[in-house]
Amino acid sequence: MAKNKFELKIDQDDIYLDLVFEVDDEKFTEEVATEINSFWSNEKRRVDECGGSVVKAALKLYAAECFALAAFNNFKNEGWVMDQFDWSKDKGVEGFPSFQEAGIILKRIDNLQIGFDLIEFA
């Protein structure tokens, strides 16, 4: 069983976030990635932007959803984020299989934190 590590990040306008996925490529196949990627429109554009890799396009979709879940749910950890995708726990995220089904482990995720001192009155 081959496992690959992928690190994805956001680095825009002084915001830097990253996460690390460990991916079992026997479970997270091109077929699974294609199903995830083609759930939404513009699937060809995403694959093109990922150098022709549907696997990378699907992982970027997972990453975007993980960042959103972590950012809008106050300091949640990797286990909590993975649980949100788990349909067997009466949760699940539309368009994605559970992390376990997909062969993904979320090893690390940064959370968007906006400190009190950064907020100013206009």
PDB file of N, CA and C in Angstrom:
ATOM      1  N   MET A   1       0.851  -1.169   0.000  1.00  0.00           N
ATOM      2  CA  MET A   1       0.000   0.000   0.000  1.00  0.00           C
ATOM      3  C   MET A   1       0.897   1.231   0.000  1.00  0.00           C
ATOM      4  N   ALA A   2       0.798   2.019  -1.032  1.00  0.00           N
ATOM      5  CA  ALA A   2       1.601   3.239  -1.134  1.00  0.00           C
ATOM      6  C   ALA A   2       0.848   4.403  -0.502  1.00  0.00           C
ATOM      7  N   LYS A   3       1.553   5.151   0.295  1.00  0.00           N
ATOM      8  CA  LYS A   3       0.968   6.351   0.894  1.00  0.00           C
ATOM      9  C   LYS A   3       1.800   7.536   0.473  1.00  0.00           C
ATOM     10  N   ASN A   4       1.125   8.558   0.025  1.00  0.00           N
ATOM     11  CA  ASN A   4       1.791   9.784  -0.395  1.00  0.00           C
ATOM     12  C   ASN A   4       1.376  10.906   0.530  1.00  0.00           C
ATOM     13  N   LYS A   5       2.264  11.860   0.698  1.00  0.00           N
ATOM     14  CA  LYS A   5       1.980  13.019   1.531  1.00  0.00           C
ATOM     15  C   LYS A   5       1.852  14.224   0.624  1.00  0.00           C
ATOM     16  N   PHE A   6       0.779  14.981   0.807  1.00  0.00           N
ATOM     17  CA  PHE A   6       0.544  16.189   0.040  1.00  0.00           C
ATOM     18  C   PHE A   6       0.386  17.348   1.004  1.00  0.00           C
ATOM     19  N   GLU A   7       1.108  18.425   0.760  1.00  0.00           N
ATOM     20  CA  GLU A   7       0.968  19.632   1.554  1.00  0.00           C
ATOM     21  C   GLU A   7       0.337  20.695   0.664  1.00  0.00           C
ATOM     22  N   LEU A   8      -0.767  21.248   1.107  1.00  0.00           N
ATOM     23  CA  LEU A   8      -1.448  22.299   0.368  1.00  0.00           C
ATOM     24  C   LEU A   8      -1.445  23.548   1.226  1.00  0.00           C
ATOM     25  N   LYS A   9      -1.485  24.715   0.594  1.00  0.00           N
ATOM     26  CA  LYS A   9      -1.397  25.940   1.375  1.00  0.00           C
ATOM     27  C   LYS A   9      -2.209  27.049   0.736  1.00  0.00           C
ATOM     28  N   ILE A  10      -2.489  28.031   1.540  1.00  0.00           N
ATOM     29  CA  ILE A  10      -3.064  29.297   1.092  1.00  0.00           C
ATOM     30  C   ILE A  10      -2.043  30.350   1.467  1.00  0.00           C
ATOM     31  N   ASP A  11      -1.651  31.165   0.525  1.00  0.00           N
ATOM     32  CA  ASP A  11      -0.681  32.223   0.790  1.00  0.00           C
ATOM     33  C   ASP A  11      -1.127  33.439  -0.012  1.00  0.00           C
ATOM     34  N   GLN A  12      -1.990  34.231   0.595  1.00  0.00           N
ATOM     35  CA  GLN A  12      -2.580  35.359  -0.122  1.00  0.00           C
ATOM     36  C   GLN A  12      -2.838  36.498   0.855  1.00  0.00           C
ATOM     37  N   ASP A  13      -2.456  37.685   0.462  1.00  0.00           N
ATOM     38  CA  ASP A  13      -2.758  38.885   1.246  1.00  0.00           C
ATOM     39  C   ASP A  13      -2.423  38.715   2.723  1.00  0.00           C
ATOM     40  N   ASP A  14      -1.197  38.310   2.996  1.00  0.00           N
ATOM     41  CA  ASP A  14      -0.706  38.141   4.362  1.00  0.00           C
ATOM     42  C   ASP A  14      -1.421  37.044   5.150  1.00  0.00           C
ATOM     43  N   ILE A  15      -2.101  36.138   4.455  1.00  0.00           N
ATOM     44  CA  ILE A  15      -2.712  34.981   5.098  1.00  0.00           C
ATOM     45  C   ILE A  15      -1.941  33.760   4.620  1.00  0.00           C
ATOM     46  N   TYR A  16      -1.416  32.981   5.532  1.00  0.00           N
ATOM     47  CA  TYR A  16      -0.714  31.762   5.171  1.00  0.00           C
ATOM     48  C   TYR A  16      -1.291  30.627   6.005  1.00  0.00           C
ATOM     49  N   LEU A  17      -1.840  29.635   5.328  1.00  0.00           N
ATOM     50  CA  LEU A  17      -2.383  28.452   5.981  1.00  0.00           C
ATOM     51  C   LEU A  17      -1.878  27.232   5.235  1.00  0.00           C
ATOM     52  N   ASP A  18      -1.657  26.138   5.953  1.00  0.00           N
ATOM     53  CA  ASP A  18      -1.364  24.912   5.230  1.00  0.00           C
ATOM     54  C   ASP A  18      -1.993  23.713   5.917  1.00  0.00           C
ATOM     55  N   LEU A  19      -2.082  22.649   5.157  1.00  0.00           N
ATOM     56  CA  LEU A  19      -2.556  21.390   5.696  1.00  0.00           C
ATOM     57  C   LEU A  19      -1.758  20.274   5.047  1.00  0.00           C
ATOM     58  N   VAL A  20      -1.764  19.115   5.706  1.00  0.00           N
ATOM     59  CA  VAL A  20      -1.052  17.962   5.181  1.00  0.00           C
ATOM     60  C   VAL A  20      -2.019  16.784   5.141  1.00  0.00           C
ATOM     61  N   PHE A  21      -2.141  16.190   3.938  1.00  0.00           N
ATOM     62  CA  PHE A  21      -2.905  14.967   3.745  1.00  0.00           C
ATOM     63  C   PHE A  21      -1.926  13.804   3.577  1.00  0.00           C
ATOM     64  N   GLU A  22      -2.230  12.674   4.192  1.00  0.00           N
ATOM     65  CA  GLU A  22      -1.568  11.427   3.855  1.00  0.00           C
ATOM     66  C   GLU A  22      -2.582  10.636   3.038  1.00  0.00           C
ATOM     67  N   VAL A  23      -2.196  10.242   1.826  1.00  0.00           N
ATOM     68  CA  VAL A  23      -3.146   9.664   0.883  1.00  0.00           C
ATOM     69  C   VAL A  23      -2.715   8.257   0.484  1.00  0.00           C
ATOM     70  N   ASP A  24      -3.619   7.300   0.640  1.00  0.00           N
ATOM     71  CA  ASP A  24      -3.402   5.928   0.202  1.00  0.00           C
ATOM     72  C   ASP A  24      -3.808   5.854  -1.266  1.00  0.00           C
ATOM     73  N   ASP A  25      -2.826   5.724  -2.155  1.00  0.00           N
ATOM     74  CA  ASP A  25      -3.152   5.781  -3.578  1.00  0.00           C
ATOM     75  C   ASP A  25      -3.830   4.518  -4.099  1.00  0.00           C
ATOM     76  N   GLU A  26      -3.958   3.499  -3.259  1.00  0.00           N
ATOM     77  CA  GLU A  26      -4.755   2.332  -3.649  1.00  0.00           C
ATOM     78  C   GLU A  26      -6.246   2.604  -3.471  1.00  0.00           C
ATOM     79  N   LYS A  27      -6.585   3.516  -2.563  1.00  0.00           N
ATOM     80  CA  LYS A  27      -7.984   3.906  -2.361  1.00  0.00           C
ATOM     81  C   LYS A  27      -8.325   5.188  -3.117  1.00  0.00           C
ATOM     82  N   PHE A  28      -7.428   6.164  -3.067  1.00  0.00           N
ATOM     83  CA  PHE A  28      -7.675   7.452  -3.720  1.00  0.00           C
ATOM     84  C   PHE A  28      -7.147   7.367  -5.146  1.00  0.00           C
ATOM     85  N   THR A  29      -7.923   6.707  -5.982  1.00  0.00           N
ATOM     86  CA  THR A  29      -7.532   6.454  -7.370  1.00  0.00           C
ATOM     87  C   THR A  29      -7.980   7.608  -8.269  1.00  0.00           C
ATOM     88  N   GLU A  30      -7.550   7.569  -9.513  1.00  0.00           N
ATOM     89  CA  GLU A  30      -8.005   8.571 -10.482  1.00  0.00           C
ATOM     90  C   GLU A  30      -9.512   8.495 -10.657  1.00  0.00           C
ATOM     91  N   GLU A  31     -10.083   7.299 -10.558  1.00  0.00           N
ATOM     92  CA  GLU A  31     -11.533   7.138 -10.670  1.00  0.00           C
ATOM     93  C   GLU A  31     -12.261   7.874  -9.540  1.00  0.00           C
ATOM     94  N   VAL A  32     -11.785   7.696  -8.320  1.00  0.00           N
ATOM     95  CA  VAL A  32     -12.382   8.395  -7.172  1.00  0.00           C
ATOM     96  C   VAL A  32     -12.202   9.902  -7.333  1.00  0.00           C
ATOM     97  N   ALA A  33     -10.998  10.315  -7.705  1.00  0.00           N
ATOM     98  CA  ALA A  33     -10.717  11.740  -7.887  1.00  0.00           C
ATOM     99  C   ALA A  33     -11.599  12.343  -8.979  1.00  0.00           C
ATOM    100  N   THR A  34     -11.820  11.607 -10.064  1.00  0.00           N
ATOM    101  CA  THR A  34     -12.659  12.092 -11.157  1.00  0.00           C
ATOM    102  C   THR A  34     -14.100  12.264 -10.698  1.00  0.00           C
ATOM    103  N   GLU A  35     -14.582  11.323  -9.902  1.00  0.00           N
ATOM    104  CA  GLU A  35     -15.950  11.431  -9.376  1.00  0.00           C
ATOM    105  C   GLU A  35     -16.107  12.680  -8.513  1.00  0.00           C
ATOM    106  N   ILE A  36     -15.116  12.945  -7.664  1.00  0.00           N
ATOM    107  CA  ILE A  36     -15.155  14.129  -6.798  1.00  0.00           C
ATOM    108  C   ILE A  36     -15.075  15.396  -7.642  1.00  0.00           C
ATOM    109  N   ASN A  37     -14.085  15.460  -8.528  1.00  0.00           N
ATOM    110  CA  ASN A  37     -13.864  16.656  -9.327  1.00  0.00           C
ATOM    111  C   ASN A  37     -15.046  16.972 -10.240  1.00  0.00           C
ATOM    112  N   SER A  38     -15.659  15.954 -10.806  1.00  0.00           N
ATOM    113  CA  SER A  38     -16.746  16.202 -11.764  1.00  0.00           C
ATOM    114  C   SER A  38     -18.090  16.428 -11.092  1.00  0.00           C
ATOM    115  N   PHE A  39     -18.134  16.384  -9.766  1.00  0.00           N
ATOM    116  CA  PHE A  39     -19.378  16.684  -9.044  1.00  0.00           C
ATOM    117  C   PHE A  39     -19.783  18.143  -9.274  1.00  0.00           C
ATOM    118  N   TRP A  40     -18.784  19.027  -9.422  1.00  0.00           N
ATOM    119  CA  TRP A  40     -19.021  20.452  -9.655  1.00  0.00           C
ATOM    120  C   TRP A  40     -18.663  20.815 -11.089  1.00  0.00           C
ATOM    121  N   SER A  41     -19.195  21.914 -11.552  1.00  0.00           N
ATOM    122  CA  SER A  41     -18.862  22.371 -12.901  1.00  0.00           C
ATOM    123  C   SER A  41     -17.417  22.873 -12.946  1.00  0.00           C
ATOM    124  N   ASN A  42     -16.910  23.091 -14.145  1.00  0.00           N
ATOM    125  CA  ASN A  42     -15.541  23.568 -14.399  1.00  0.00           C
ATOM    126  C   ASN A  42     -14.486  22.527 -14.056  1.00  0.00           C
ATOM    127  N   GLU A  43     -14.846  21.257 -14.144  1.00  0.00           N
ATOM    128  CA  GLU A  43     -13.896  20.205 -13.785  1.00  0.00           C
ATOM    129  C   GLU A  43     -12.657  20.200 -14.683  1.00  0.00           C
ATOM    130  N   LYS A  44     -12.824  20.493 -15.965  1.00  0.00           N
ATOM    131  CA  LYS A  44     -11.672  20.508 -16.881  1.00  0.00           C
ATOM    132  C   LYS A  44     -10.697  21.623 -16.507  1.00  0.00           C
ATOM    133  N   ARG A  45     -11.221  22.787 -16.153  1.00  0.00           N
ATOM    134  CA  ARG A  45     -10.362  23.910 -15.764  1.00  0.00           C
ATOM    135  C   ARG A  45      -9.524  23.553 -14.538  1.00  0.00           C
ATOM    136  N   ARG A  46     -10.146  22.906 -13.556  1.00  0.00           N
ATOM    137  CA  ARG A  46      -9.393  22.537 -12.349  1.00  0.00           C
ATOM    138  C   ARG A  46      -8.267  21.560 -12.676  1.00  0.00           C
ATOM    139  N   VAL A  47      -8.567  20.587 -13.519  1.00  0.00           N
ATOM    140  CA  VAL A  47      -7.539  19.614 -13.900  1.00  0.00           C
ATOM    141  C   VAL A  47      -6.421  20.309 -14.676  1.00  0.00           C
ATOM    142  N   ASP A  48      -6.777  21.192 -15.593  1.00  0.00           N
ATOM    143  CA  ASP A  48      -5.770  21.943 -16.353  1.00  0.00           C
ATOM    144  C   ASP A  48      -4.879  22.760 -15.421  1.00  0.00           C
ATOM    145  N   GLU A  49      -5.489  23.403 -14.422  1.00  0.00           N
ATOM    146  CA  GLU A  49      -4.727  24.221 -13.471  1.00  0.00           C
ATOM    147  C   GLU A  49      -3.835  23.381 -12.557  1.00  0.00           C
ATOM    148  N   CYS A  50      -4.082  22.084 -12.515  1.00  0.00           N
ATOM    149  CA  CYS A  50      -3.267  21.176 -11.700  1.00  0.00           C
ATOM    150  C   CYS A  50      -2.341  20.342 -12.578  1.00  0.00           C
ATOM    151  N   GLY A  51      -1.969  20.881 -13.722  1.00  0.00           N
ATOM    152  CA  GLY A  51      -1.021  20.203 -14.600  1.00  0.00           C
ATOM    153  C   GLY A  51      -1.538  18.903 -15.186  1.00  0.00           C
ATOM    154  N   GLY A  52      -2.852  18.790 -15.328  1.00  0.00           N
ATOM    155  CA  GLY A  52      -3.448  17.584 -15.893  1.00  0.00           C
ATOM    156  C   GLY A  52      -3.749  16.502 -14.868  1.00  0.00           C
ATOM    157  N   SER A  53      -3.538  16.775 -13.593  1.00  0.00           N
ATOM    158  CA  SER A  53      -3.746  15.771 -12.539  1.00  0.00           C
ATOM    159  C   SER A  53      -5.124  15.925 -11.899  1.00  0.00           C
ATOM    160  N   VAL A  54      -5.991  14.961 -12.155  1.00  0.00           N
ATOM    161  CA  VAL A  54      -7.311  14.976 -11.525  1.00  0.00           C
ATOM    162  C   VAL A  54      -7.184  14.683 -10.027  1.00  0.00           C
ATOM    163  N   VAL A  55      -6.163  13.921  -9.637  1.00  0.00           N
ATOM    164  CA  VAL A  55      -5.933  13.635  -8.218  1.00  0.00           C
ATOM    165  C   VAL A  55      -5.633  14.929  -7.470  1.00  0.00           C
ATOM    166  N   LYS A  56      -4.740  15.746  -8.018  1.00  0.00           N
ATOM    167  CA  LYS A  56      -4.422  17.025  -7.374  1.00  0.00           C
ATOM    168  C   LYS A  56      -5.632  17.947  -7.351  1.00  0.00           C
ATOM    169  N   ALA A  57      -6.430  17.950  -8.412  1.00  0.00           N
ATOM    170  CA  ALA A  57      -7.628  18.792  -8.442  1.00  0.00           C
ATOM    171  C   ALA A  57      -8.599  18.378  -7.336  1.00  0.00           C
ATOM    172  N   ALA A  58      -8.809  17.080  -7.167  1.00  0.00           N
ATOM    173  CA  ALA A  58      -9.722  16.599  -6.129  1.00  0.00           C
ATOM    174  C   ALA A  58      -9.180  16.900  -4.734  1.00  0.00           C
ATOM    175  N   LEU A  59      -7.873  16.759  -4.547  1.00  0.00           N
ATOM    176  CA  LEU A  59      -7.286  17.080  -3.240  1.00  0.00           C
ATOM    177  C   LEU A  59      -7.419  18.566  -2.927  1.00  0.00           C
ATOM    178  N   LYS A  60      -7.302  19.416  -3.950  1.00  0.00           N
ATOM    179  CA  LYS A  60      -7.504  20.850  -3.720  1.00  0.00           C
ATOM    180  C   LYS A  60      -8.949  21.134  -3.313  1.00  0.00           C
ATOM    181  N   LEU A  61      -9.902  20.402  -3.875  1.00  0.00           N
ATOM    182  CA  LEU A  61     -11.302  20.570  -3.465  1.00  0.00           C
ATOM    183  C   LEU A  61     -11.482  20.158  -2.004  1.00  0.00           C
ATOM    184  N   TYR A  62     -10.894  19.015  -1.627  1.00  0.00           N
ATOM    185  CA  TYR A  62     -10.934  18.602  -0.222  1.00  0.00           C
ATOM    186  C   TYR A  62     -10.308  19.675   0.665  1.00  0.00           C
ATOM    187  N   ALA A  63      -9.142  20.186   0.268  1.00  0.00           N
ATOM    188  CA  ALA A  63      -8.436  21.184   1.074  1.00  0.00           C
ATOM    189  C   ALA A  63      -9.283  22.438   1.263  1.00  0.00           C
ATOM    190  N   ALA A  64      -9.922  22.906   0.198  1.00  0.00           N
ATOM    191  CA  ALA A  64     -10.756  24.110   0.303  1.00  0.00           C
ATOM    192  C   ALA A  64     -11.873  23.901   1.314  1.00  0.00           C
ATOM    193  N   GLU A  65     -12.496  22.743   1.273  1.00  0.00           N
ATOM    194  CA  GLU A  65     -13.582  22.459   2.222  1.00  0.00           C
ATOM    195  C   GLU A  65     -13.046  22.328   3.643  1.00  0.00           C
ATOM    196  N   CYS A  66     -11.883  21.702   3.799  1.00  0.00           N
ATOM    197  CA  CYS A  66     -11.280  21.564   5.136  1.00  0.00           C
ATOM    198  C   CYS A  66     -10.943  22.920   5.734  1.00  0.00           C
ATOM    199  N   PHE A  67     -10.328  23.797   4.928  1.00  0.00           N
ATOM    200  CA  PHE A  67     -10.001  25.135   5.427  1.00  0.00           C
ATOM    201  C   PHE A  67     -11.265  25.884   5.842  1.00  0.00           C
ATOM    202  N   ALA A  68     -12.324  25.785   5.037  1.00  0.00           N
ATOM    203  CA  ALA A  68     -13.569  26.474   5.367  1.00  0.00           C
ATOM    204  C   ALA A  68     -14.153  25.931   6.669  1.00  0.00           C
ATOM    205  N   LEU A  69     -14.184  24.623   6.829  1.00  0.00           N
ATOM    206  CA  LEU A  69     -14.717  24.029   8.057  1.00  0.00           C
ATOM    207  C   LEU A  69     -13.925  24.465   9.282  1.00  0.00           C
ATOM    208  N   ALA A  70     -12.604  24.436   9.183  1.00  0.00           N
ATOM    209  CA  ALA A  70     -11.763  24.818  10.315  1.00  0.00           C
ATOM    210  C   ALA A  70     -11.897  26.303  10.629  1.00  0.00           C
ATOM    211  N   ALA A  71     -11.953  27.124   9.600  1.00  0.00           N
ATOM    212  CA  ALA A  71     -11.982  28.572   9.804  1.00  0.00           C
ATOM    213  C   ALA A  71     -13.285  29.045  10.426  1.00  0.00           C
ATOM    214  N   PHE A  72     -14.372  28.416  10.073  1.00  0.00           N
ATOM    215  CA  PHE A  72     -15.672  28.899  10.526  1.00  0.00           C
ATOM    216  C   PHE A  72     -16.231  28.130  11.707  1.00  0.00           C
ATOM    217  N   ASN A  73     -15.402  27.296  12.331  1.00  0.00           N
ATOM    218  CA  ASN A  73     -15.871  26.525  13.479  1.00  0.00           C
ATOM    219  C   ASN A  73     -14.925  26.599  14.660  1.00  0.00           C
ATOM    220  N   ASN A  74     -14.243  27.718  14.793  1.00  0.00           N
ATOM    221  CA  ASN A  74     -13.459  28.048  15.989  1.00  0.00           C
ATOM    222  C   ASN A  74     -12.515  26.973  16.501  1.00  0.00           C
ATOM    223  N   PHE A  75     -11.351  26.935  15.904  1.00  0.00           N
ATOM    224  CA  PHE A  75     -10.236  26.174  16.447  1.00  0.00           C
ATOM    225  C   PHE A  75     -10.482  24.670  16.515  1.00  0.00           C
ATOM    226  N   LYS A  76     -11.165  24.120  15.548  1.00  0.00           N
ATOM    227  CA  LYS A  76     -11.383  22.679  15.515  1.00  0.00           C
ATOM    228  C   LYS A  76     -10.123  21.991  15.008  1.00  0.00           C
ATOM    229  N   ASN A  77      -9.912  20.752  15.437  1.00  0.00           N
ATOM    230  CA  ASN A  77      -8.692  20.037  15.077  1.00  0.00           C
ATOM    231  C   ASN A  77      -8.914  19.093  13.894  1.00  0.00           C
ATOM    232  N   GLU A  78      -7.873  18.377  13.532  1.00  0.00           N
ATOM    233  CA  GLU A  78      -7.899  17.487  12.371  1.00  0.00           C
ATOM    234  C   GLU A  78      -8.989  16.416  12.493  1.00  0.00           C
ATOM    235  N   GLY A  79      -9.103  15.804  13.655  1.00  0.00           N
ATOM    236  CA  GLY A  79     -10.119  14.761  13.852  1.00  0.00           C
ATOM    237  C   GLY A  79     -11.526  15.291  13.655  1.00  0.00           C
ATOM    238  N   TRP A  80     -11.797  16.465  14.181  1.00  0.00           N
ATOM    239  CA  TRP A  80     -13.123  17.067  14.025  1.00  0.00           C
ATOM    240  C   TRP A  80     -13.407  17.338  12.549  1.00  0.00           C
ATOM    241  N   VAL A  81     -12.428  17.880  11.832  1.00  0.00           N
ATOM    242  CA  VAL A  81     -12.634  18.173  10.411  1.00  0.00           C
ATOM    243  C   VAL A  81     -12.911  16.881   9.643  1.00  0.00           C
ATOM    244  N   MET A  82     -12.121  15.834   9.881  1.00  0.00           N
ATOM    245  CA  MET A  82     -12.350  14.569   9.174  1.00  0.00           C
ATOM    246  C   MET A  82     -13.736  14.008   9.483  1.00  0.00           C
ATOM    247  N   ASP A  83     -14.179  14.130  10.729  1.00  0.00           N
ATOM    248  CA  ASP A  83     -15.504  13.633  11.115  1.00  0.00           C
ATOM    249  C   ASP A  83     -16.627  14.314  10.338  1.00  0.00           C
ATOM    250  N   GLN A  84     -16.441  15.565   9.948  1.00  0.00           N
ATOM    251  CA  GLN A  84     -17.495  16.291   9.234  1.00  0.00           C
ATOM    252  C   GLN A  84     -17.796  15.672   7.867  1.00  0.00           C
ATOM    253  N   PHE A  85     -16.856  14.924   7.316  1.00  0.00           N
ATOM    254  CA  PHE A  85     -17.028  14.266   6.022  1.00  0.00           C
ATOM    255  C   PHE A  85     -17.621  12.864   6.156  1.00  0.00           C
ATOM    256  N   ASP A  86     -17.834  12.412   7.390  1.00  0.00           N
ATOM    257  CA  ASP A  86     -18.209  11.015   7.647  1.00  0.00           C
ATOM    258  C   ASP A  86     -19.721  10.831   7.612  1.00  0.00           C
ATOM    259  N   TRP A  87     -20.190  10.268   6.519  1.00  0.00           N
ATOM    260  CA  TRP A  87     -21.626  10.040   6.321  1.00  0.00           C
ATOM    261  C   TRP A  87     -22.180   9.050   7.342  1.00  0.00           C
ATOM    262  N   SER A  88     -21.355   8.137   7.848  1.00  0.00           N
ATOM    263  CA  SER A  88     -21.835   7.141   8.809  1.00  0.00           C
ATOM    264  C   SER A  88     -22.099   7.748  10.186  1.00  0.00           C
ATOM    265  N   LYS A  89     -21.647   8.985  10.399  1.00  0.00           N
ATOM    266  CA  LYS A  89     -21.865   9.686  11.674  1.00  0.00           C
ATOM    267  C   LYS A  89     -22.937  10.754  11.524  1.00  0.00           C
ATOM    268  N   ASP A  90     -23.825  10.550  10.548  1.00  0.00           N
ATOM    269  CA  ASP A  90     -24.898  11.509  10.261  1.00  0.00           C
ATOM    270  C   ASP A  90     -24.360  12.901   9.958  1.00  0.00           C
ATOM    271  N   LYS A  91     -23.224  12.935   9.299  1.00  0.00           N
ATOM    272  CA  LYS A  91     -22.636  14.195   8.864  1.00  0.00           C
ATOM    273  C   LYS A  91     -22.418  14.067   7.366  1.00  0.00           C
ATOM    274  N   GLY A  92     -21.276  14.363   6.866  1.00  0.00           N
ATOM    275  CA  GLY A  92     -20.973  14.228   5.449  1.00  0.00           C
ATOM    276  C   GLY A  92     -21.002  15.565   4.747  1.00  0.00           C
ATOM    277  N   VAL A  93     -20.158  15.689   3.734  1.00  0.00           N
ATOM    278  CA  VAL A  93     -20.078  16.900   2.933  1.00  0.00           C
ATOM    279  C   VAL A  93     -20.435  16.508   1.502  1.00  0.00           C
ATOM    280  N   GLU A  94     -21.424  17.176   0.965  1.00  0.00           N
ATOM    281  CA  GLU A  94     -21.905  16.855  -0.370  1.00  0.00           C
ATOM    282  C   GLU A  94     -20.756  16.878  -1.380  1.00  0.00           C
ATOM    283  N   GLY A  95     -20.686  15.823  -2.193  1.00  0.00           N
ATOM    284  CA  GLY A  95     -19.674  15.732  -3.228  1.00  0.00           C
ATOM    285  C   GLY A  95     -18.403  15.006  -2.817  1.00  0.00           C
ATOM    286  N   PHE A  96     -18.299  14.611  -1.541  1.00  0.00           N
ATOM    287  CA  PHE A  96     -17.083  13.970  -1.044  1.00  0.00           C
ATOM    288  C   PHE A  96     -17.404  12.670  -0.318  1.00  0.00           C
ATOM    289  N   PRO A  97     -16.609  11.622  -0.568  1.00  0.00           N
ATOM    290  CA  PRO A  97     -16.698  10.451   0.303  1.00  0.00           C
ATOM    291  C   PRO A  97     -16.022  10.768   1.633  1.00  0.00           C
ATOM    292  N   SER A  98     -16.254   9.934   2.629  1.00  0.00           N
ATOM    293  CA  SER A  98     -15.567  10.139   3.909  1.00  0.00           C
ATOM    294  C   SER A  98     -14.067  10.011   3.696  1.00  0.00           C
ATOM    295  N   PHE A  99     -13.306  10.552   4.616  1.00  0.00           N
ATOM    296  CA  PHE A  99     -11.853  10.445   4.540  1.00  0.00           C
ATOM    297  C   PHE A  99     -11.438   8.977   4.538  1.00  0.00           C
ATOM    298  N   GLN A 100     -12.081   8.172   5.362  1.00  0.00           N
ATOM    299  CA  GLN A 100     -11.738   6.750   5.435  1.00  0.00           C
ATOM    300  C   GLN A 100     -11.994   6.062   4.101  1.00  0.00           C
ATOM    301  N   GLU A 101     -13.153   6.304   3.493  1.00  0.00           N
ATOM    302  CA  GLU A 101     -13.461   5.704   2.194  1.00  0.00           C
ATOM    303  C   GLU A 101     -12.466   6.143   1.119  1.00  0.00           C
ATOM    304  N   ALA A 102     -12.061   7.401   1.177  1.00  0.00           N
ATOM    305  CA  ALA A 102     -11.160   7.947   0.169  1.00  0.00           C
ATOM    306  C   ALA A 102      -9.700   7.584   0.419  1.00  0.00           C
ATOM    307  N   GLY A 103      -9.391   7.062   1.595  1.00  0.00           N
ATOM    308  CA  GLY A 103      -8.008   6.713   1.899  1.00  0.00           C
ATOM    309  C   GLY A 103      -7.151   7.911   2.245  1.00  0.00           C
ATOM    310  N   ILE A 104      -7.762   8.903   2.894  1.00  0.00           N
ATOM    311  CA  ILE A 104      -7.050  10.131   3.250  1.00  0.00           C
ATOM    312  C   ILE A 104      -7.009  10.277   4.768  1.00  0.00           C
ATOM    313  N   ILE A 105      -5.890  10.724   5.264  1.00  0.00           N
ATOM    314  CA  ILE A 105      -5.780  11.121   6.667  1.00  0.00           C
ATOM    315  C   ILE A 105      -5.338  12.578   6.673  1.00  0.00           C
ATOM    316  N   LEU A 106      -6.052  13.396   7.408  1.00  0.00           N
ATOM    317  CA  LEU A 106      -5.666  14.799   7.583  1.00  0.00           C
ATOM    318  C   LEU A 106      -4.683  14.838   8.744  1.00  0.00           C
ATOM    319  N   LYS A 107      -3.411  15.047   8.422  1.00  0.00           N
ATOM    320  CA  LYS A 107      -2.357  15.012   9.434  1.00  0.00           C
ATOM    321  C   LYS A 107      -2.197  16.338  10.164  1.00  0.00           C
ATOM    322  N   ARG A 108      -2.435  17.447   9.434  1.00  0.00           N
ATOM    323  CA  ARG A 108      -2.280  18.769  10.057  1.00  0.00           C
ATOM    324  C   ARG A 108      -3.106  19.774   9.279  1.00  0.00           C
ATOM    325  N   ILE A 109      -3.709  20.709  10.010  1.00  0.00           N
ATOM    326  CA  ILE A 109      -4.418  21.813   9.359  1.00  0.00           C
ATOM    327  C   ILE A 109      -4.247  23.063  10.201  1.00  0.00           C
ATOM    328  N   ASP A 110      -3.930  24.155   9.529  1.00  0.00           N
ATOM    329  CA  ASP A 110      -3.879  25.452  10.194  1.00  0.00           C
ATOM    330  C   ASP A 110      -5.279  26.039  10.200  1.00  0.00           C
ATOM    331  N   ASN A 111      -5.537  26.816  11.212  1.00  0.00           N
ATOM    332  CA  ASN A 111      -6.829  27.454  11.346  1.00  0.00           C
ATOM    333  C   ASN A 111      -6.657  28.954  11.156  1.00  0.00           C
ATOM    334  N   LEU A 112      -7.570  29.549  10.462  1.00  0.00           N
ATOM    335  CA  LEU A 112      -7.547  30.996  10.283  1.00  0.00           C
ATOM    336  C   LEU A 112      -7.890  31.643  11.616  1.00  0.00           C
ATOM    337  N   GLN A 113      -6.980  32.427  12.100  1.00  0.00           N
ATOM    338  CA  GLN A 113      -7.201  33.101  13.377  1.00  0.00           C
ATOM    339  C   GLN A 113      -6.980  34.592  13.172  1.00  0.00           C
ATOM    340  N   ILE A 114      -7.980  35.356  13.487  1.00  0.00           N
ATOM    341  CA  ILE A 114      -7.873  36.805  13.397  1.00  0.00           C
ATOM    342  C   ILE A 114      -7.870  37.320  14.823  1.00  0.00           C
ATOM    343  N   GLY A 115      -6.717  37.796  15.228  1.00  0.00           N
ATOM    344  CA  GLY A 115      -6.556  38.227  16.607  1.00  0.00           C
ATOM    345  C   GLY A 115      -7.286  39.522  16.924  1.00  0.00           C
ATOM    346  N   PHE A 116      -7.610  39.682  18.175  1.00  0.00           N
ATOM    347  CA  PHE A 116      -8.312  40.861  18.667  1.00  0.00           C
ATOM    348  C   PHE A 116      -7.582  42.144  18.266  1.00  0.00           C
ATOM    349  N   ASP A 117      -6.251  42.118  18.367  1.00  0.00           N
ATOM    350  CA  ASP A 117      -5.450  43.309  18.089  1.00  0.00           C
ATOM    351  C   ASP A 117      -5.457  43.708  16.618  1.00  0.00           C
ATOM    352  N   LEU A 118      -5.833  42.808  15.734  1.00  0.00           N
ATOM    353  CA  LEU A 118      -5.872  43.108  14.301  1.00  0.00           C
ATOM    354  C   LEU A 118      -7.169  43.791  13.872  1.00  0.00           C
ATOM    355  N   ILE A 119      -8.142  43.799  14.757  1.00  0.00           N
ATOM    356  CA  ILE A 119      -9.443  44.371  14.418  1.00  0.00           C
ATOM    357  C   ILE A 119      -9.481  45.832  14.855  1.00  0.00           C
ATOM    358  N   GLU A 120      -9.872  46.678  13.930  1.00  0.00           N
ATOM    359  CA  GLU A 120      -9.923  48.119  14.218  1.00  0.00           C
ATOM    360  C   GLU A 120     -11.282  48.660  13.829  1.00  0.00           C
ATOM    361  N   PHE A 121     -11.659  49.743  14.467  1.00  0.00           N
ATOM    362  CA  PHE A 121     -12.882  50.462  14.090  1.00  0.00           C
ATOM    363  C   PHE A 121     -12.583  51.324  12.887  1.00  0.00           C
ATOM    364  N   ALA A 122     -13.532  51.370  11.956  1.00  0.00           N
ATOM    365  CA  ALA A 122     -13.351  52.162  10.743  1.00  0.00           C
ATOM    366  C   ALA A 122     -13.614  53.627  11.010  1.00  0.00           C
TER     367      ALA A 122
END
